[in-house]
PDB file of all heavy atoms in Angstrom:
ATOM      1  N   ALA A   1     -57.653 -16.588 -12.662  1.00  0.00           N
ATOM      2  CA  ALA A   1     -56.358 -16.191 -13.251  1.00  0.00           C
ATOM      3  C   ALA A   1     -55.984 -17.118 -14.380  1.00  0.00           C
ATOM      4  O   ALA A   1     -55.499 -16.754 -15.478  1.00  0.00           O
ATOM      5  CB  ALA A   1     -55.271 -16.070 -12.199  1.00  0.00           C
ATOM      6  N   ARG A   2     -56.067 -18.408 -14.123  1.00  0.00           N
ATOM      7  CA  ARG A   2     -55.731 -19.401 -15.087  1.00  0.00           C
ATOM      8  C   ARG A   2     -56.601 -19.330 -16.333  1.00  0.00           C
ATOM      9  O   ARG A   2     -56.149 -19.427 -17.428  1.00  0.00           O
ATOM     10  CB  ARG A   2     -55.681 -20.815 -14.457  1.00  0.00           C
ATOM     11  CG  ARG A   2     -54.958 -21.777 -15.370  1.00  0.00           C
ATOM     12  CD  ARG A   2     -53.480 -21.451 -15.289  1.00  0.00           C
ATOM     13  NE  ARG A   2     -52.834 -21.894 -16.523  1.00  0.00           N
ATOM     14  CZ  ARG A   2     -51.959 -21.191 -17.209  1.00  0.00           C
ATOM     15  NH1 ARG A   2     -51.509 -20.019 -16.685  1.00  0.00           N
ATOM     16  NH2 ARG A   2     -51.403 -21.582 -18.287  1.00  0.00           N
ATOM     17  N   LEU A   3     -57.933 -19.127 -16.140  1.00  0.00           N
ATOM     18  CA  LEU A   3     -58.818 -18.988 -17.243  1.00  0.00           C
ATOM     19  C   LEU A   3     -58.459 -17.827 -18.131  1.00  0.00           C
ATOM     20  O   LEU A   3     -58.428 -17.896 -19.307  1.00  0.00           O
ATOM     21  CB  LEU A   3     -60.265 -18.911 -16.771  1.00  0.00           C
ATOM     22  CG  LEU A   3     -61.336 -18.798 -17.910  1.00  0.00           C
ATOM     23  CD1 LEU A   3     -61.302 -19.941 -18.850  1.00  0.00           C
ATOM     24  CD2 LEU A   3     -62.711 -18.663 -17.223  1.00  0.00           C
ATOM     25  N   LEU A   4     -58.139 -16.693 -17.431  1.00  0.00           N
ATOM     26  CA  LEU A   4     -57.741 -15.512 -18.197  1.00  0.00           C
ATOM     27  C   LEU A   4     -56.524 -15.819 -18.996  1.00  0.00           C
ATOM     28  O   LEU A   4     -56.479 -15.461 -20.189  1.00  0.00           O
ATOM     29  CB  LEU A   4     -57.483 -14.333 -17.262  1.00  0.00           C
ATOM     30  CG  LEU A   4     -56.947 -13.055 -17.873  1.00  0.00           C
ATOM     31  CD1 LEU A   4     -57.901 -12.473 -18.767  1.00  0.00           C
ATOM     32  CD2 LEU A   4     -56.564 -12.068 -16.752  1.00  0.00           C
ATOM     33  N   ALA A   5     -55.564 -16.413 -18.432  1.00  0.00           N
ATOM     34  CA  ALA A   5     -54.324 -16.762 -19.152  1.00  0.00           C
ATOM     35  C   ALA A   5     -54.566 -17.741 -20.291  1.00  0.00           C
ATOM     36  O   ALA A   5     -54.023 -17.603 -21.400  1.00  0.00           O
ATOM     37  CB  ALA A   5     -53.295 -17.287 -18.136  1.00  0.00           C
ATOM     38  N   MET A   6     -55.390 -18.707 -20.046  1.00  0.00           N
ATOM     39  CA  MET A   6     -55.691 -19.732 -21.078  1.00  0.00           C
ATOM     40  C   MET A   6     -56.392 -19.124 -22.292  1.00  0.00           C
ATOM     41  O   MET A   6     -56.180 -19.628 -23.453  1.00  0.00           O
ATOM     42  CB  MET A   6     -56.623 -20.844 -20.552  1.00  0.00           C
ATOM     43  CG  MET A   6     -55.836 -21.868 -19.767  1.00  0.00           C
ATOM     44  SD  MET A   6     -54.654 -22.735 -20.777  1.00  0.00           S
ATOM     45  CE  MET A   6     -53.825 -23.626 -19.472  1.00  0.00           C
ATOM     46  N   LYS A   7     -57.230 -18.072 -22.099  1.00  0.00           N
ATOM     47  CA  LYS A   7     -57.847 -17.420 -23.209  1.00  0.00           C
ATOM     48  C   LYS A   7     -56.877 -16.712 -24.150  1.00  0.00           C
ATOM     49  O   LYS A   7     -57.282 -16.458 -25.329  1.00  0.00           O
ATOM     50  CB  LYS A   7     -58.878 -16.417 -22.710  1.00  0.00           C
ATOM     51  CG  LYS A   7     -60.054 -17.129 -22.133  1.00  0.00           C
ATOM     52  CD  LYS A   7     -61.094 -16.126 -21.646  1.00  0.00           C
ATOM     53  CE  LYS A   7     -62.330 -16.840 -21.092  1.00  0.00           C
ATOM     54  NZ  LYS A   7     -63.370 -15.846 -20.677  1.00  0.00           N
ATOM     55  N   THR A   8     -55.627 -16.508 -23.736  1.00  0.00           N
ATOM     56  CA  THR A   8     -54.631 -15.823 -24.585  1.00  0.00           C
ATOM     57  C   THR A   8     -53.542 -16.725 -25.059  1.00  0.00           C
ATOM     58  O   THR A   8     -52.587 -16.218 -25.664  1.00  0.00           O
ATOM     59  CB  THR A   8     -54.121 -14.579 -23.864  1.00  0.00           C
ATOM     60  OG1 THR A   8     -53.472 -14.973 -22.704  1.00  0.00           O
ATOM     61  CG2 THR A   8     -55.246 -13.575 -23.593  1.00  0.00           C
ATOM     62  N   THR A   9     -53.522 -18.019 -24.670  1.00  0.00           N
ATOM     63  CA  THR A   9     -52.427 -18.895 -24.969  1.00  0.00           C
ATOM     64  C   THR A   9     -52.747 -19.602 -26.318  1.00  0.00           C
ATOM     65  O   THR A   9     -53.936 -19.845 -26.639  1.00  0.00           O
ATOM     66  CB  THR A   9     -52.162 -19.947 -23.890  1.00  0.00           C
ATOM     67  OG1 THR A   9     -53.316 -20.693 -23.678  1.00  0.00           O
ATOM     68  CG2 THR A   9     -51.672 -19.384 -22.633  1.00  0.00           C
ATOM     69  N   THR A  10     -51.711 -19.974 -27.011  1.00  0.00           N
ATOM     70  CA  THR A  10     -51.894 -20.735 -28.276  1.00  0.00           C
ATOM     71  C   THR A  10     -51.977 -22.192 -28.033  1.00  0.00           C
ATOM     72  O   THR A  10     -51.647 -22.642 -26.926  1.00  0.00           O
ATOM     73  CB  THR A  10     -50.664 -20.436 -29.174  1.00  0.00           C
ATOM     74  OG1 THR A  10     -49.494 -21.005 -28.545  1.00  0.00           O
ATOM     75  CG2 THR A  10     -50.501 -18.954 -29.459  1.00  0.00           C
ATOM     76  N   ARG A  11     -52.238 -22.994 -29.028  1.00  0.00           N
ATOM     77  CA  ARG A  11     -52.283 -24.411 -28.966  1.00  0.00           C
ATOM     78  C   ARG A  11     -50.919 -24.941 -28.546  1.00  0.00           C
ATOM     79  O   ARG A  11     -50.835 -25.801 -27.652  1.00  0.00           O
ATOM     80  CB  ARG A  11     -52.686 -24.968 -30.265  1.00  0.00           C
ATOM     81  CG  ARG A  11     -52.791 -26.540 -30.179  1.00  0.00           C
ATOM     82  CD  ARG A  11     -53.261 -27.094 -31.607  1.00  0.00           C
ATOM     83  NE  ARG A  11     -53.425 -28.480 -31.559  1.00  0.00           N
ATOM     84  CZ  ARG A  11     -52.448 -29.418 -31.598  1.00  0.00           C
ATOM     85  NH1 ARG A  11     -51.219 -29.061 -31.719  1.00  0.00           N
ATOM     86  NH2 ARG A  11     -52.756 -30.710 -31.562  1.00  0.00           N
ATOM     87  N   ASP A  12     -49.898 -24.433 -29.123  1.00  0.00           N
ATOM     88  CA  ASP A  12     -48.506 -24.812 -28.723  1.00  0.00           C
ATOM     89  C   ASP A  12     -48.230 -24.591 -27.268  1.00  0.00           C
ATOM     90  O   ASP A  12     -47.601 -25.379 -26.558  1.00  0.00           O
ATOM     91  CB  ASP A  12     -47.484 -24.226 -29.606  1.00  0.00           C
ATOM     92  CG  ASP A  12     -47.454 -24.775 -31.055  1.00  0.00           C
ATOM     93  OD1 ASP A  12     -47.991 -25.861 -31.246  1.00  0.00           O
ATOM     94  OD2 ASP A  12     -46.902 -24.127 -31.894  1.00  0.00           O
ATOM     95  N   GLU A  13     -48.683 -23.438 -26.790  1.00  0.00           N
ATOM     96  CA  GLU A  13     -48.482 -23.089 -25.395  1.00  0.00           C
ATOM     97  C   GLU A  13     -49.201 -24.070 -24.457  1.00  0.00           C
ATOM     98  O   GLU A  13     -48.759 -24.373 -23.403  1.00  0.00           O
ATOM     99  CB  GLU A  13     -48.827 -21.625 -25.159  1.00  0.00           C
ATOM    100  CG  GLU A  13     -47.863 -20.690 -25.786  1.00  0.00           C
ATOM    101  CD  GLU A  13     -48.277 -19.174 -25.831  1.00  0.00           C
ATOM    102  OE1 GLU A  13     -49.509 -18.992 -25.895  1.00  0.00           O
ATOM    103  OE2 GLU A  13     -47.479 -18.304 -25.841  1.00  0.00           O
ATOM    104  N   ARG A  14     -50.383 -24.417 -24.868  1.00  0.00           N
ATOM    105  CA  ARG A  14     -51.187 -25.347 -24.093  1.00  0.00           C
ATOM    106  C   ARG A  14     -50.538 -26.746 -24.055  1.00  0.00           C
ATOM    107  O   ARG A  14     -50.589 -27.397 -23.042  1.00  0.00           O
ATOM    108  CB  ARG A  14     -52.630 -25.356 -24.584  1.00  0.00           C
ATOM    109  CG  ARG A  14     -53.387 -24.106 -24.401  1.00  0.00           C
ATOM    110  CD  ARG A  14     -54.765 -24.083 -24.982  1.00  0.00           C
ATOM    111  NE  ARG A  14     -55.428 -22.866 -24.732  1.00  0.00           N
ATOM    112  CZ  ARG A  14     -56.558 -22.501 -25.267  1.00  0.00           C
ATOM    113  NH1 ARG A  14     -57.151 -23.327 -26.121  1.00  0.00           N
ATOM    114  NH2 ARG A  14     -57.146 -21.290 -25.006  1.00  0.00           N
ATOM    115  N   LEU A  15     -49.988 -27.168 -25.130  1.00  0.00           N
ATOM    116  CA  LEU A  15     -49.263 -28.374 -25.258  1.00  0.00           C
ATOM    117  C   LEU A  15     -48.060 -28.386 -24.345  1.00  0.00           C
ATOM    118  O   LEU A  15     -47.773 -29.345 -23.670  1.00  0.00           O
ATOM    119  CB  LEU A  15     -48.833 -28.751 -26.648  1.00  0.00           C
ATOM    120  CG  LEU A  15     -50.040 -29.130 -27.605  1.00  0.00           C
ATOM    121  CD1 LEU A  15     -49.527 -29.297 -29.026  1.00  0.00           C
ATOM    122  CD2 LEU A  15     -50.757 -30.418 -27.062  1.00  0.00           C
ATOM    123  N   ARG A  16     -47.421 -27.188 -24.260  1.00  0.00           N
ATOM    124  CA  ARG A  16     -46.269 -27.011 -23.369  1.00  0.00           C
ATOM    125  C   ARG A  16     -46.683 -27.243 -21.890  1.00  0.00           C
ATOM    126  O   ARG A  16     -45.981 -27.896 -21.155  1.00  0.00           O
ATOM    127  CB  ARG A  16     -45.641 -25.643 -23.506  1.00  0.00           C
ATOM    128  CG  ARG A  16     -44.481 -25.360 -22.658  1.00  0.00           C
ATOM    129  CD  ARG A  16     -44.229 -23.894 -22.381  1.00  0.00           C
ATOM    130  NE  ARG A  16     -45.374 -23.309 -21.804  1.00  0.00           N
ATOM    131  CZ  ARG A  16     -45.992 -22.246 -22.252  1.00  0.00           C
ATOM    132  NH1 ARG A  16     -45.660 -21.584 -23.346  1.00  0.00           N
ATOM    133  NH2 ARG A  16     -47.097 -21.782 -21.618  1.00  0.00           N
ATOM    134  N   ILE A  17     -47.864 -26.767 -21.566  1.00  0.00           N
ATOM    135  CA  ILE A  17     -48.441 -26.975 -20.222  1.00  0.00           C
ATOM    136  C   ILE A  17     -48.606 -28.445 -19.930  1.00  0.00           C
ATOM    137  O   ILE A  17     -48.221 -28.940 -18.818  1.00  0.00           O
ATOM    138  CB  ILE A  17     -49.700 -26.133 -20.005  1.00  0.00           C
ATOM    139  CG1 ILE A  17     -49.408 -24.647 -20.011  1.00  0.00           C
ATOM    140  CG2 ILE A  17     -50.413 -26.579 -18.712  1.00  0.00           C
ATOM    141  CD1 ILE A  17     -50.665 -23.751 -20.130  1.00  0.00           C
ATOM    142  N   GLN A  18     -49.107 -29.141 -20.906  1.00  0.00           N
ATOM    143  CA  GLN A  18     -49.323 -30.616 -20.745  1.00  0.00           C
ATOM    144  C   GLN A  18     -47.940 -31.307 -20.519  1.00  0.00           C
ATOM    145  O   GLN A  18     -47.833 -32.219 -19.630  1.00  0.00           O
ATOM    146  CB  GLN A  18     -49.964 -31.190 -21.908  1.00  0.00           C
ATOM    147  CG  GLN A  18     -51.465 -30.882 -21.971  1.00  0.00           C
ATOM    148  CD  GLN A  18     -52.100 -31.437 -23.224  1.00  0.00           C
ATOM    149  OE1 GLN A  18     -51.455 -31.739 -24.233  1.00  0.00           O
ATOM    150  NE2 GLN A  18     -53.437 -31.672 -23.186  1.00  0.00           N
ATOM    151  N   ARG A  19     -46.916 -30.907 -21.251  1.00  0.00           N
ATOM    152  CA  ARG A  19     -45.600 -31.475 -21.055  1.00  0.00           C
ATOM    153  C   ARG A  19     -45.019 -31.197 -19.723  1.00  0.00           C
ATOM    154  O   ARG A  19     -44.409 -32.033 -19.049  1.00  0.00           O
ATOM    155  CB  ARG A  19     -44.633 -30.964 -22.227  1.00  0.00           C
ATOM    156  CG  ARG A  19     -44.949 -31.559 -23.599  1.00  0.00           C
ATOM    157  CD  ARG A  19     -43.863 -31.278 -24.617  1.00  0.00           C
ATOM    158  NE  ARG A  19     -43.616 -29.827 -24.723  1.00  0.00           N
ATOM    159  CZ  ARG A  19     -44.214 -29.027 -25.591  1.00  0.00           C
ATOM    160  NH1 ARG A  19     -45.210 -29.503 -26.363  1.00  0.00           N
ATOM    161  NH2 ARG A  19     -43.953 -27.776 -25.625  1.00  0.00           N
ATOM    162  N   GLN A  20     -45.241 -29.976 -19.226  1.00  0.00           N
ATOM    163  CA  GLN A  20     -44.824 -29.608 -17.909  1.00  0.00           C
ATOM    164  C   GLN A  20     -45.468 -30.438 -16.828  1.00  0.00           C
ATOM    165  O   GLN A  20     -44.910 -30.935 -15.863  1.00  0.00           O
ATOM    166  CB  GLN A  20     -45.041 -28.131 -17.581  1.00  0.00           C
ATOM    167  CG  GLN A  20     -44.170 -27.264 -18.477  1.00  0.00           C
ATOM    168  CD  GLN A  20     -44.520 -25.797 -18.318  1.00  0.00           C
ATOM    169  OE1 GLN A  20     -45.571 -25.430 -17.794  1.00  0.00           O
ATOM    170  NE2 GLN A  20     -43.588 -24.919 -18.889  1.00  0.00           N
ATOM    171  N   HIS A  21     -46.856 -30.691 -16.973  1.00  0.00           N
ATOM    172  CA  HIS A  21     -47.499 -31.568 -16.013  1.00  0.00           C
ATOM    173  C   HIS A  21     -46.986 -32.940 -16.082  1.00  0.00           C
ATOM    174  O   HIS A  21     -46.768 -33.582 -15.051  1.00  0.00           O
ATOM    175  CB  HIS A  21     -49.061 -31.609 -16.383  1.00  0.00           C
ATOM    176  CG  HIS A  21     -49.808 -30.415 -15.991  1.00  0.00           C
ATOM    177  ND1 HIS A  21     -51.118 -30.203 -16.202  1.00  0.00           N
ATOM    178  CD2 HIS A  21     -49.437 -29.249 -15.347  1.00  0.00           C
ATOM    179  CE1 HIS A  21     -51.502 -29.089 -15.768  1.00  0.00           C
ATOM    180  NE2 HIS A  21     -50.513 -28.486 -15.238  1.00  0.00           N
ATOM    181  N   LYS A  22     -46.675 -33.416 -17.272  1.00  0.00           N
ATOM    182  CA  LYS A  22     -46.104 -34.833 -17.386  1.00  0.00           C
ATOM    183  C   LYS A  22     -44.765 -34.845 -16.711  1.00  0.00           C
ATOM    184  O   LYS A  22     -44.460 -35.883 -16.035  1.00  0.00           O
ATOM    185  CB  LYS A  22     -45.971 -35.151 -18.871  1.00  0.00           C
ATOM    186  CG  LYS A  22     -45.526 -36.628 -19.046  1.00  0.00           C
ATOM    187  CD  LYS A  22     -45.463 -37.075 -20.491  1.00  0.00           C
ATOM    188  CE  LYS A  22     -45.013 -38.516 -20.529  1.00  0.00           C
ATOM    189  NZ  LYS A  22     -44.921 -38.900 -21.950  1.00  0.00           N
ATOM    190  N   ALA A  23     -43.886 -33.865 -16.832  1.00  0.00           N
ATOM    191  CA  ALA A  23     -42.595 -33.873 -16.168  1.00  0.00           C
ATOM    192  C   ALA A  23     -42.786 -33.881 -14.610  1.00  0.00           C
ATOM    193  O   ALA A  23     -42.103 -34.576 -13.965  1.00  0.00           O
ATOM    194  CB  ALA A  23     -41.772 -32.600 -16.591  1.00  0.00           C
ATOM    195  N   ILE A  24     -43.705 -33.121 -14.132  1.00  0.00           N
ATOM    196  CA  ILE A  24     -44.012 -33.091 -12.723  1.00  0.00           C
ATOM    197  C   ILE A  24     -44.483 -34.489 -12.225  1.00  0.00           C
ATOM    198  O   ILE A  24     -43.935 -35.043 -11.235  1.00  0.00           O
ATOM    199  CB  ILE A  24     -45.018 -31.976 -12.314  1.00  0.00           C
ATOM    200  CG1 ILE A  24     -44.448 -30.588 -12.632  1.00  0.00           C
ATOM    201  CG2 ILE A  24     -45.491 -32.091 -10.847  1.00  0.00           C
ATOM    202  CD1 ILE A  24     -45.549 -29.512 -12.692  1.00  0.00           C
ATOM    203  N   TYR A  25     -45.440 -34.956 -12.939  1.00  0.00           N
ATOM    204  CA  TYR A  25     -45.985 -36.274 -12.612  1.00  0.00           C
ATOM    205  C   TYR A  25     -44.877 -37.406 -12.618  1.00  0.00           C
ATOM    206  O   TYR A  25     -44.771 -38.215 -11.717  1.00  0.00           O
ATOM    207  CB  TYR A  25     -47.119 -36.698 -13.515  1.00  0.00           C
ATOM    208  CG  TYR A  25     -47.586 -38.103 -13.345  1.00  0.00           C
ATOM    209  CD1 TYR A  25     -48.379 -38.504 -12.318  1.00  0.00           C
ATOM    210  CD2 TYR A  25     -47.091 -39.122 -14.216  1.00  0.00           C
ATOM    211  CE1 TYR A  25     -48.736 -39.793 -12.100  1.00  0.00           C
ATOM    212  CE2 TYR A  25     -47.390 -40.475 -13.986  1.00  0.00           C
ATOM    213  CZ  TYR A  25     -48.254 -40.809 -13.002  1.00  0.00           C
ATOM    214  OH  TYR A  25     -48.570 -42.103 -12.749  1.00  0.00           O
ATOM    215  N   THR A  26     -44.110 -37.384 -13.709  1.00  0.00           N
ATOM    216  CA  THR A  26     -43.075 -38.438 -13.833  1.00  0.00           C
ATOM    217  C   THR A  26     -42.071 -38.367 -12.734  1.00  0.00           C
ATOM    218  O   THR A  26     -41.670 -39.397 -12.137  1.00  0.00           O
ATOM    219  CB  THR A  26     -42.351 -38.248 -15.163  1.00  0.00           C
ATOM    220  OG1 THR A  26     -43.282 -38.388 -16.240  1.00  0.00           O
ATOM    221  CG2 THR A  26     -41.186 -39.227 -15.363  1.00  0.00           C
ATOM    222  N   ALA A  27     -41.639 -37.172 -12.292  1.00  0.00           N
ATOM    223  CA  ALA A  27     -40.728 -37.012 -11.202  1.00  0.00           C
ATOM    224  C   ALA A  27     -41.277 -37.488  -9.893  1.00  0.00           C
ATOM    225  O   ALA A  27     -40.637 -38.190  -9.132  1.00  0.00           O
ATOM    226  CB  ALA A  27     -40.220 -35.552 -11.087  1.00  0.00           C
TER     227      ALA A  27
END
C-alpha cells in the first residue's frame, strides 16, 4: 500500500513524510 501511494506522491509530499517522521521521533 505504501509503495502504491509513494508512486503518486510529489517530492514535496515525500519531504512532508520525512518531517512527520522527525516530529514522531523528536516526541
